[in-house]
PDB file of N, CA and C in Angstrom:
ATOM      1  N   MET A   1       3.524  -2.541 -31.975  1.00  0.00           N
ATOM      2  CA  MET A   1       4.303  -1.408 -32.403  1.00  0.00           C
ATOM      3  C   MET A   1       3.353  -0.216 -32.525  1.00  0.00           C
ATOM      4  N   SER A   2       3.796   0.905 -32.069  1.00  0.00           N
ATOM      5  CA  SER A   2       2.957   2.099 -32.130  1.00  0.00           C
ATOM      6  C   SER A   2       3.175   2.823 -33.458  1.00  0.00           C
ATOM      7  N   ILE A   3       2.408   3.873 -33.649  1.00  0.00           N
ATOM      8  CA  ILE A   3       2.459   4.623 -34.906  1.00  0.00           C
ATOM      9  C   ILE A   3       3.814   5.301 -35.105  1.00  0.00           C
ATOM     10  N   ASP A   4       4.424   5.762 -34.026  1.00  0.00           N
ATOM     11  CA  ASP A   4       5.686   6.483 -34.162  1.00  0.00           C
ATOM     12  C   ASP A   4       6.894   5.556 -34.347  1.00  0.00           C
ATOM     13  N   GLY A   5       6.680   4.268 -34.488  1.00  0.00           N
ATOM     14  CA  GLY A   5       7.752   3.326 -34.761  1.00  0.00           C
ATOM     15  C   GLY A   5       8.460   2.802 -33.528  1.00  0.00           C
ATOM     16  N   VAL A   6       7.997   3.164 -32.356  1.00  0.00           N
ATOM     17  CA  VAL A   6       8.610   2.696 -31.123  1.00  0.00           C
ATOM     18  C   VAL A   6       7.896   1.428 -30.678  1.00  0.00           C
ATOM     19  N   VAL A   7       8.667   0.411 -30.412  1.00  0.00           N
ATOM     20  CA  VAL A   7       8.087  -0.848 -29.958  1.00  0.00           C
ATOM     21  C   VAL A   7       7.809  -0.727 -28.466  1.00  0.00           C
ATOM     22  N   ARG A   8       6.591  -1.008 -28.086  1.00  0.00           N
ATOM     23  CA  ARG A   8       6.207  -0.936 -26.682  1.00  0.00           C
ATOM     24  C   ARG A   8       5.742  -2.330 -26.243  1.00  0.00           C
ATOM     25  N   TYR A   9       6.344  -2.803 -25.178  1.00  0.00           N
ATOM     26  CA  TYR A   9       5.996  -4.112 -24.661  1.00  0.00           C
ATOM     27  C   TYR A   9       5.148  -3.946 -23.412  1.00  0.00           C
ATOM     28  N   GLU A  10       4.118  -4.733 -23.345  1.00  0.00           N
ATOM     29  CA  GLU A  10       3.296  -4.693 -22.147  1.00  0.00           C
ATOM     30  C   GLU A  10       3.786  -5.750 -21.177  1.00  0.00           C
ATOM     31  N   ARG A  11       3.693  -5.435 -19.928  1.00  0.00           N
ATOM     32  CA  ARG A  11       4.121  -6.347 -18.875  1.00  0.00           C
ATOM     33  C   ARG A  11       3.159  -7.510 -18.795  1.00  0.00           C
ATOM     34  N   VAL A  12       3.710  -8.689 -18.624  1.00  0.00           N
ATOM     35  CA  VAL A  12       2.894  -9.883 -18.442  1.00  0.00           C
ATOM     36  C   VAL A  12       2.337  -9.860 -17.025  1.00  0.00           C
ATOM     37  N   SER A  13       1.087 -10.241 -16.904  1.00  0.00           N
ATOM     38  CA  SER A  13       0.477 -10.227 -15.577  1.00  0.00           C
ATOM     39  C   SER A  13       1.139 -11.287 -14.688  1.00  0.00           C
ATOM     40  N   PRO A  14       1.119 -11.079 -13.374  1.00  0.00           N
ATOM     41  CA  PRO A  14       1.727 -12.060 -12.461  1.00  0.00           C
ATOM     42  C   PRO A  14       1.102 -13.450 -12.585  1.00  0.00           C
ATOM     43  N   VAL A  15      -0.182 -13.508 -12.888  1.00  0.00           N
ATOM     44  CA  VAL A  15      -0.844 -14.811 -13.035  1.00  0.00           C
ATOM     45  C   VAL A  15      -0.288 -15.545 -14.255  1.00  0.00           C
ATOM     46  N   GLU A  16      -0.173 -14.850 -15.370  1.00  0.00           N
ATOM     47  CA  GLU A  16       0.373 -15.470 -16.580  1.00  0.00           C
ATOM     48  C   GLU A  16       1.830 -15.882 -16.378  1.00  0.00           C
ATOM     49  N   GLU A  17       2.584 -15.050 -15.663  1.00  0.00           N
ATOM     50  CA  GLU A  17       3.979 -15.367 -15.394  1.00  0.00           C
ATOM     51  C   GLU A  17       4.108 -16.635 -14.548  1.00  0.00           C
ATOM     52  N   THR A  18       3.248 -16.781 -13.553  1.00  0.00           N
ATOM     53  CA  THR A  18       3.251 -17.968 -12.708  1.00  0.00           C
ATOM     54  C   THR A  18       2.888 -19.212 -13.509  1.00  0.00           C
ATOM     55  N   ILE A  19       1.888 -19.083 -14.371  1.00  0.00           N
ATOM     56  CA  ILE A  19       1.476 -20.225 -15.197  1.00  0.00           C
ATOM     57  C   ILE A  19       2.618 -20.662 -16.108  1.00  0.00           C
ATOM     58  N   MET A  20       3.308 -19.705 -16.721  1.00  0.00           N
ATOM     59  CA  MET A  20       4.405 -20.058 -17.620  1.00  0.00           C
ATOM     60  C   MET A  20       5.567 -20.693 -16.866  1.00  0.00           C
ATOM     61  N   ARG A  21       5.821 -20.255 -15.651  1.00  0.00           N
ATOM     62  CA  ARG A  21       6.875 -20.898 -14.853  1.00  0.00           C
ATOM     63  C   ARG A  21       6.501 -22.337 -14.535  1.00  0.00           C
ATOM     64  N   ARG A  22       5.237 -22.572 -14.230  1.00  0.00           N
ATOM     65  CA  ARG A  22       4.804 -23.940 -13.919  1.00  0.00           C
ATOM     66  C   ARG A  22       4.889 -24.830 -15.152  1.00  0.00           C
ATOM     67  N   VAL A  23       4.545 -24.294 -16.309  1.00  0.00           N
ATOM     68  CA  VAL A  23       4.672 -25.071 -17.547  1.00  0.00           C
ATOM     69  C   VAL A  23       6.146 -25.408 -17.796  1.00  0.00           C
ATOM     70  N   ALA A  24       7.031 -24.457 -17.529  1.00  0.00           N
ATOM     71  CA  ALA A  24       8.464 -24.710 -17.711  1.00  0.00           C
ATOM     72  C   ALA A  24       8.961 -25.784 -16.752  1.00  0.00           C
ATOM     73  N   VAL A  25       8.449 -25.799 -15.524  1.00  0.00           N
ATOM     74  CA  VAL A  25       8.846 -26.833 -14.554  1.00  0.00           C
ATOM     75  C   VAL A  25       8.397 -28.205 -15.037  1.00  0.00           C
ATOM     76  N   VAL A  26       7.169 -28.304 -15.507  1.00  0.00           N
ATOM     77  CA  VAL A  26       6.657 -29.591 -15.996  1.00  0.00           C
ATOM     78  C   VAL A  26       7.426 -30.032 -17.242  1.00  0.00           C
ATOM     79  N   ALA A  27       7.724 -29.103 -18.146  1.00  0.00           N
ATOM     80  CA  ALA A  27       8.494 -29.448 -19.349  1.00  0.00           C
ATOM     81  C   ALA A  27       9.899 -29.917 -18.971  1.00  0.00           C
ATOM     82  N   GLY A  28      10.513 -29.271 -17.999  1.00  0.00           N
ATOM     83  CA  GLY A  28      11.829 -29.698 -17.539  1.00  0.00           C
ATOM     84  C   GLY A  28      11.805 -31.092 -16.949  1.00  0.00           C
ATOM     85  N   CYS A  29      10.792 -31.370 -16.159  1.00  0.00           N
ATOM     86  CA  CYS A  29      10.647 -32.715 -15.582  1.00  0.00           C
ATOM     87  C   CYS A  29      10.412 -33.753 -16.667  1.00  0.00           C
ATOM     88  N   TRP A  30       9.624 -33.388 -17.683  1.00  0.00           N
ATOM     89  CA  TRP A  30       9.349 -34.295 -18.801  1.00  0.00           C
ATOM     90  C   TRP A  30      10.656 -34.666 -19.515  1.00  0.00           C
ATOM     91  N   PHE A  31      11.478 -33.651 -19.832  1.00  0.00           N
ATOM     92  CA  PHE A  31      12.748 -33.909 -20.509  1.00  0.00           C
ATOM     93  C   PHE A  31      13.700 -34.675 -19.610  1.00  0.00           C
ATOM     94  N   LEU A  32      13.768 -34.323 -18.356  1.00  0.00           N
ATOM     95  CA  LEU A  32      14.651 -35.014 -17.427  1.00  0.00           C
ATOM     96  C   LEU A  32      14.276 -36.492 -17.314  1.00  0.00           C
ATOM     97  N   PHE A  33      12.982 -36.782 -17.207  1.00  0.00           N
ATOM     98  CA  PHE A  33      12.525 -38.167 -17.120  1.00  0.00           C
ATOM     99  C   PHE A  33      12.983 -38.967 -18.335  1.00  0.00           C
ATOM    100  N   TRP A  34      12.725 -38.451 -19.543  1.00  0.00           N
ATOM    101  CA  TRP A  34      13.070 -39.193 -20.748  1.00  0.00           C
ATOM    102  C   TRP A  34      14.575 -39.322 -20.926  1.00  0.00           C
ATOM    103  N   MET A  35      15.324 -38.283 -20.560  1.00  0.00           N
ATOM    104  CA  MET A  35      16.779 -38.357 -20.709  1.00  0.00           C
ATOM    105  C   MET A  35      17.396 -39.344 -19.726  1.00  0.00           C
ATOM    106  N   VAL A  36      16.915 -39.364 -18.494  1.00  0.00           N
ATOM    107  CA  VAL A  36      17.424 -40.321 -17.510  1.00  0.00           C
ATOM    108  C   VAL A  36      17.054 -41.743 -17.931  1.00  0.00           C
ATOM    109  N   LEU A  37      15.815 -41.933 -18.366  1.00  0.00           N
ATOM    110  CA  LEU A  37      15.397 -43.263 -18.815  1.00  0.00           C
ATOM    111  C   LEU A  37      16.247 -43.733 -19.999  1.00  0.00           C
ATOM    112  N   GLY A  38      16.456 -42.854 -20.974  1.00  0.00           N
ATOM    113  CA  GLY A  38      17.287 -43.212 -22.116  1.00  0.00           C
ATOM    114  C   GLY A  38      18.730 -43.498 -21.718  1.00  0.00           C
ATOM    115  N   ALA A  39      19.262 -42.711 -20.780  1.00  0.00           N
ATOM    116  CA  ALA A  39      20.635 -42.919 -20.326  1.00  0.00           C
ATOM    117  C   ALA A  39      20.783 -44.245 -19.590  1.00  0.00           C
ATOM    118  N   VAL A  40      19.806 -44.580 -18.758  1.00  0.00           N
ATOM    119  CA  VAL A  40      19.860 -45.851 -18.028  1.00  0.00           C
ATOM    120  C   VAL A  40      19.782 -47.026 -19.004  1.00  0.00           C
ATOM    121  N   ILE A  41      18.852 -46.950 -19.936  1.00  0.00           N
ATOM    122  CA  ILE A  41      18.726 -48.035 -20.918  1.00  0.00           C
ATOM    123  C   ILE A  41      19.991 -48.111 -21.779  1.00  0.00           C
ATOM    124  N   GLY A  42      20.498 -46.963 -22.195  1.00  0.00           N
ATOM    125  CA  GLY A  42      21.726 -46.959 -22.994  1.00  0.00           C
ATOM    126  C   GLY A  42      22.920 -47.473 -22.213  1.00  0.00           C
ATOM    127  N   GLY A  43      23.032 -47.094 -20.952  1.00  0.00           N
ATOM    128  CA  GLY A  43      24.145 -47.559 -20.128  1.00  0.00           C
ATOM    129  C   GLY A  43      24.088 -49.041 -19.849  1.00  0.00           C
ATOM    130  N   LEU A  44      22.894 -49.563 -19.661  1.00  0.00           N
ATOM    131  CA  LEU A  44      22.754 -50.991 -19.370  1.00  0.00           C
ATOM    132  C   LEU A  44      22.868 -51.867 -20.616  1.00  0.00           C
ATOM    133  N   SER A  45      22.546 -51.298 -21.764  1.00  0.00           N
ATOM    134  CA  SER A  45      22.561 -52.115 -22.975  1.00  0.00           C
ATOM    135  C   SER A  45      23.821 -51.914 -23.809  1.00  0.00           C
ATOM    136  N   GLY A  46      24.762 -51.147 -23.308  1.00  0.00           N
ATOM    137  CA  GLY A  46      26.004 -50.919 -24.057  1.00  0.00           C
ATOM    138  C   GLY A  46      26.808 -52.200 -24.191  1.00  0.00           C
ATOM    139  N   GLY A  47      27.371 -52.394 -25.345  1.00  0.00           N
ATOM    140  CA  GLY A  47      28.163 -53.587 -25.597  1.00  0.00           C
ATOM    141  C   GLY A  47      29.587 -53.432 -25.090  1.00  0.00           C
ATOM    142  N   PRO A  48      30.399 -54.462 -25.248  1.00  0.00           N
ATOM    143  CA  PRO A  48      31.789 -54.384 -24.797  1.00  0.00           C
ATOM    144  C   PRO A  48      32.582 -53.399 -25.658  1.00  0.00           C
ATOM    145  N   ARG A  49      33.097 -52.356 -25.007  1.00  0.00           N
ATOM    146  CA  ARG A  49      33.860 -51.322 -25.695  1.00  0.00           C
ATOM    147  C   ARG A  49      35.003 -50.881 -24.808  1.00  0.00           C
ATOM    148  N   ALA A  50      35.824 -49.987 -25.353  1.00  0.00           N
ATOM    149  CA  ALA A  50      36.974 -49.495 -24.605  1.00  0.00           C
ATOM    150  C   ALA A  50      36.607 -48.379 -23.633  1.00  0.00           C
ATOM    151  N   ASP A  51      35.422 -47.804 -23.735  1.00  0.00           N
ATOM    152  CA  ASP A  51      35.053 -46.690 -22.872  1.00  0.00           C
ATOM    153  C   ASP A  51      34.324 -47.167 -21.612  1.00  0.00           C
ATOM    154  N   VAL A  52      34.762 -48.277 -21.065  1.00  0.00           N
ATOM    155  CA  VAL A  52      34.139 -48.841 -19.874  1.00  0.00           C
ATOM    156  C   VAL A  52      34.878 -48.338 -18.636  1.00  0.00           C
ATOM    157  N   ALA A  53      34.123 -47.850 -17.674  1.00  0.00           N
ATOM    158  CA  ALA A  53      34.693 -47.438 -16.392  1.00  0.00           C
ATOM    159  C   ALA A  53      33.750 -47.925 -15.300  1.00  0.00           C
ATOM    160  N   ASN A  54      34.220 -48.808 -14.466  1.00  0.00           N
ATOM    161  CA  ASN A  54      33.426 -49.375 -13.379  1.00  0.00           C
ATOM    162  C   ASN A  54      32.161 -50.069 -13.879  1.00  0.00           C
ATOM    163  N   GLY A  55      32.239 -50.693 -15.027  1.00  0.00           N
ATOM    164  CA  GLY A  55      31.112 -51.452 -15.539  1.00  0.00           C
ATOM    165  C   GLY A  55      30.047 -50.624 -16.231  1.00  0.00           C
ATOM    166  N   VAL A  56      30.259 -49.338 -16.393  1.00  0.00           N
ATOM    167  CA  VAL A  56      29.280 -48.483 -17.067  1.00  0.00           C
ATOM    168  C   VAL A  56      29.850 -48.081 -18.416  1.00  0.00           C
ATOM    169  N   TYR A  57      29.066 -48.224 -19.441  1.00  0.00           N
ATOM    170  CA  TYR A  57      29.480 -47.877 -20.791  1.00  0.00           C
ATOM    171  C   TYR A  57      29.077 -46.433 -21.053  1.00  0.00           C
ATOM    172  N   PHE A  58      30.040 -45.507 -20.903  1.00  0.00           N
ATOM    173  CA  PHE A  58      29.713 -44.091 -20.966  1.00  0.00           C
ATOM    174  C   PHE A  58      29.276 -43.637 -22.348  1.00  0.00           C
ATOM    175  N   GLY A  59      29.816 -44.220 -23.400  1.00  0.00           N
ATOM    176  CA  GLY A  59      29.382 -43.845 -24.741  1.00  0.00           C
ATOM    177  C   GLY A  59      27.919 -44.157 -24.936  1.00  0.00           C
ATOM    178  N   ALA A  60      27.509 -45.327 -24.522  1.00  0.00           N
ATOM    179  CA  ALA A  60      26.103 -45.710 -24.629  1.00  0.00           C
ATOM    180  C   ALA A  60      25.242 -44.879 -23.688  1.00  0.00           C
ATOM    181  N   PHE A  61      25.810 -44.501 -22.549  1.00  0.00           N
ATOM    182  CA  PHE A  61      25.089 -43.670 -21.582  1.00  0.00           C
ATOM    183  C   PHE A  61      24.714 -42.331 -22.207  1.00  0.00           C
ATOM    184  N   TYR A  62      25.692 -41.661 -22.832  1.00  0.00           N
ATOM    185  CA  TYR A  62      25.423 -40.362 -23.450  1.00  0.00           C
ATOM    186  C   TYR A  62      24.537 -40.495 -24.682  1.00  0.00           C
ATOM    187  N   PHE A  63      24.739 -41.548 -25.450  1.00  0.00           N
ATOM    188  CA  PHE A  63      23.882 -41.787 -26.605  1.00  0.00           C
ATOM    189  C   PHE A  63      22.446 -42.024 -26.159  1.00  0.00           C
ATOM    190  N   GLY A  64      22.271 -42.745 -25.061  1.00  0.00           N
ATOM    191  CA  GLY A  64      20.937 -42.968 -24.522  1.00  0.00           C
ATOM    192  C   GLY A  64      20.298 -41.677 -24.035  1.00  0.00           C
ATOM    193  N   ALA A  65      21.081 -40.779 -23.434  1.00  0.00           N
ATOM    194  CA  ALA A  65      20.547 -39.489 -22.995  1.00  0.00           C
ATOM    195  C   ALA A  65      20.097 -38.663 -24.192  1.00  0.00           C
ATOM    196  N   PHE A  66      20.868 -38.702 -25.273  1.00  0.00           N
ATOM    197  CA  PHE A  66      20.464 -37.999 -26.490  1.00  0.00           C
ATOM    198  C   PHE A  66      19.168 -38.573 -27.038  1.00  0.00           C
ATOM    199  N   ASN A  67      19.087 -39.905 -27.079  1.00  0.00           N
ATOM    200  CA  ASN A  67      17.849 -40.529 -27.552  1.00  0.00           C
ATOM    201  C   ASN A  67      16.674 -40.199 -26.639  1.00  0.00           C
ATOM    202  N   GLY A  68      16.921 -40.104 -25.325  1.00  0.00           N
ATOM    203  CA  GLY A  68      15.866 -39.708 -24.401  1.00  0.00           C
ATOM    204  C   GLY A  68      15.361 -38.308 -24.682  1.00  0.00           C
ATOM    205  N   ALA A  69      16.263 -37.386 -25.010  1.00  0.00           N
ATOM    206  CA  ALA A  69      15.846 -36.031 -25.373  1.00  0.00           C
ATOM    207  C   ALA A  69      15.025 -36.046 -26.659  1.00  0.00           C
ATOM    208  N   LEU A  70      15.433 -36.880 -27.586  1.00  0.00           N
ATOM    209  CA  LEU A  70      14.670 -37.014 -28.825  1.00  0.00           C
ATOM    210  C   LEU A  70      13.272 -37.558 -28.552  1.00  0.00           C
ATOM    211  N   TRP A  71      13.177 -38.568 -27.704  1.00  0.00           N
ATOM    212  CA  TRP A  71      11.860 -39.110 -27.342  1.00  0.00           C
ATOM    213  C   TRP A  71      11.011 -38.080 -26.604  1.00  0.00           C
ATOM    214  N   ALA A  72      11.644 -37.247 -25.800  1.00  0.00           N
ATOM    215  CA  ALA A  72      10.898 -36.197 -25.098  1.00  0.00           C
ATOM    216  C   ALA A  72      10.271 -35.227 -26.094  1.00  0.00           C
ATOM    217  N   VAL A  73      11.019 -34.871 -27.126  1.00  0.00           N
ATOM    218  CA  VAL A  73      10.483 -33.967 -28.151  1.00  0.00           C
ATOM    219  C   VAL A  73       9.376 -34.656 -28.934  1.00  0.00           C
ATOM    220  N   ILE A  74       9.593 -35.902 -29.311  1.00  0.00           N
ATOM    221  CA  ILE A  74       8.604 -36.624 -30.111  1.00  0.00           C
ATOM    222  C   ILE A  74       7.305 -36.828 -29.332  1.00  0.00           C
ATOM    223  N   THR A  75       7.406 -37.117 -28.047  1.00  0.00           N
ATOM    224  CA  THR A  75       6.201 -37.408 -27.264  1.00  0.00           C
ATOM    225  C   THR A  75       5.602 -36.186 -26.587  1.00  0.00           C
ATOM    226  N   SER A  76       6.196 -35.007 -26.789  1.00  0.00           N
ATOM    227  CA  SER A  76       5.662 -33.821 -26.108  1.00  0.00           C
ATOM    228  C   SER A  76       4.247 -33.480 -26.556  1.00  0.00           C
ATOM    229  N   PHE A  77       3.860 -33.859 -27.760  1.00  0.00           N
ATOM    230  CA  PHE A  77       2.496 -33.598 -28.206  1.00  0.00           C
ATOM    231  C   PHE A  77       1.474 -34.397 -27.406  1.00  0.00           C
ATOM    232  N   ALA A  78       1.906 -35.461 -26.755  1.00  0.00           N
ATOM    233  CA  ALA A  78       0.996 -36.356 -26.036  1.00  0.00           C
ATOM    234  C   ALA A  78       0.724 -35.909 -24.602  1.00  0.00           C
ATOM    235  N   TRP A  79       1.226 -34.745 -24.207  1.00  0.00           N
ATOM    236  CA  TRP A  79       0.998 -34.272 -22.834  1.00  0.00           C
ATOM    237  C   TRP A  79      -0.470 -34.306 -22.424  1.00  0.00           C
ATOM    238  N   PRO A  80      -1.396 -33.807 -23.241  1.00  0.00           N
ATOM    239  CA  PRO A  80      -2.795 -33.793 -22.793  1.00  0.00           C
ATOM    240  C   PRO A  80      -3.353 -35.171 -22.462  1.00  0.00           C
ATOM    241  N   TRP A  81      -2.841 -36.204 -23.109  1.00  0.00           N
ATOM    242  CA  TRP A  81      -3.359 -37.551 -22.871  1.00  0.00           C
ATOM    243  C   TRP A  81      -2.616 -38.269 -21.750  1.00  0.00           C
ATOM    244  N   ILE A  82      -1.352 -37.944 -21.546  1.00  0.00           N
ATOM    245  CA  ILE A  82      -0.530 -38.654 -20.569  1.00  0.00           C
ATOM    246  C   ILE A  82      -0.542 -37.991 -19.201  1.00  0.00           C
ATOM    247  N   MET A  83      -0.540 -36.661 -19.185  1.00  0.00           N
ATOM    248  CA  MET A  83      -0.392 -35.921 -17.935  1.00  0.00           C
ATOM    249  C   MET A  83      -1.617 -36.092 -17.036  1.00  0.00           C
ATOM    250  N   PRO A  84      -1.385 -36.381 -15.758  1.00  0.00           N
ATOM    251  CA  PRO A  84      -2.516 -36.494 -14.826  1.00  0.00           C
ATOM    252  C   PRO A  84      -3.258 -35.161 -14.686  1.00  0.00           C
ATOM    253  N   ASP A  85      -4.552 -35.239 -14.396  1.00  0.00           N
ATOM    254  CA  ASP A  85      -5.368 -34.038 -14.251  1.00  0.00           C
ATOM    255  C   ASP A  85      -4.884 -33.139 -13.130  1.00  0.00           C
ATOM    256  N   SER A  86      -4.334 -33.730 -12.079  1.00  0.00           N
ATOM    257  CA  SER A  86      -3.866 -32.915 -10.955  1.00  0.00           C
ATOM    258  C   SER A  86      -2.718 -31.990 -11.375  1.00  0.00           C
ATOM    259  N   ILE A  87      -1.815 -32.466 -12.214  1.00  0.00           N
ATOM    260  CA  ILE A  87      -0.715 -31.626 -12.687  1.00  0.00           C
ATOM    261  C   ILE A  87      -1.246 -30.546 -13.622  1.00  0.00           C
ATOM    262  N   GLU A  88      -2.189 -30.902 -14.477  1.00  0.00           N
ATOM    263  CA  GLU A  88      -2.762 -29.915 -15.382  1.00  0.00           C
ATOM    264  C   GLU A  88      -3.506 -28.810 -14.611  1.00  0.00           C
ATOM    265  N   ARG A  89      -4.232 -29.193 -13.579  1.00  0.00           N
ATOM    266  CA  ARG A  89      -4.918 -28.175 -12.757  1.00  0.00           C
ATOM    267  C   ARG A  89      -3.905 -27.303 -12.029  1.00  0.00           C
ATOM    268  N   TRP A  90      -2.793 -27.890 -11.570  1.00  0.00           N
ATOM    269  CA  TRP A  90      -1.762 -27.111 -10.890  1.00  0.00           C
ATOM    270  C   TRP A  90      -1.125 -26.102 -11.838  1.00  0.00           C
ATOM    271  N   MET A  91      -0.905 -26.496 -13.085  1.00  0.00           N
ATOM    272  CA  MET A  91      -0.323 -25.573 -14.054  1.00  0.00           C
ATOM    273  C   MET A  91      -1.268 -24.427 -14.367  1.00  0.00           C
ATOM    274  N   ASP A  92      -2.555 -24.707 -14.424  1.00  0.00           N
ATOM    275  CA  ASP A  92      -3.540 -23.677 -14.801  1.00  0.00           C
ATOM    276  C   ASP A  92      -3.995 -22.806 -13.644  1.00  0.00           C
ATOM    277  N   ARG A  93      -3.596 -23.143 -12.429  1.00  0.00           N
ATOM    278  CA  ARG A  93      -4.030 -22.373 -11.265  1.00  0.00           C
ATOM    279  C   ARG A  93      -3.453 -20.994 -11.254  1.00  0.00           C
TER     280      ARG A  93
END
């Protein structure tokens, strides 16, 4: 904020913008992986219920996707230890 009370925003450099887009792509893939895994496990482990269509338990499927999103948030701190170096170098390029 400047002295005259006008908020002035500086433009983000193209390099920083590219890095942030790559981080967003990796974060999206991380969430997608955990949500799909949770949905598959939830769909396969669903018990006998009335919401069965073609052998898939949709209630358990959606509950599993929610749990997958929760696991994605819980495990997001572990990115530095889990993520391969090649992906980390690609994000920082």
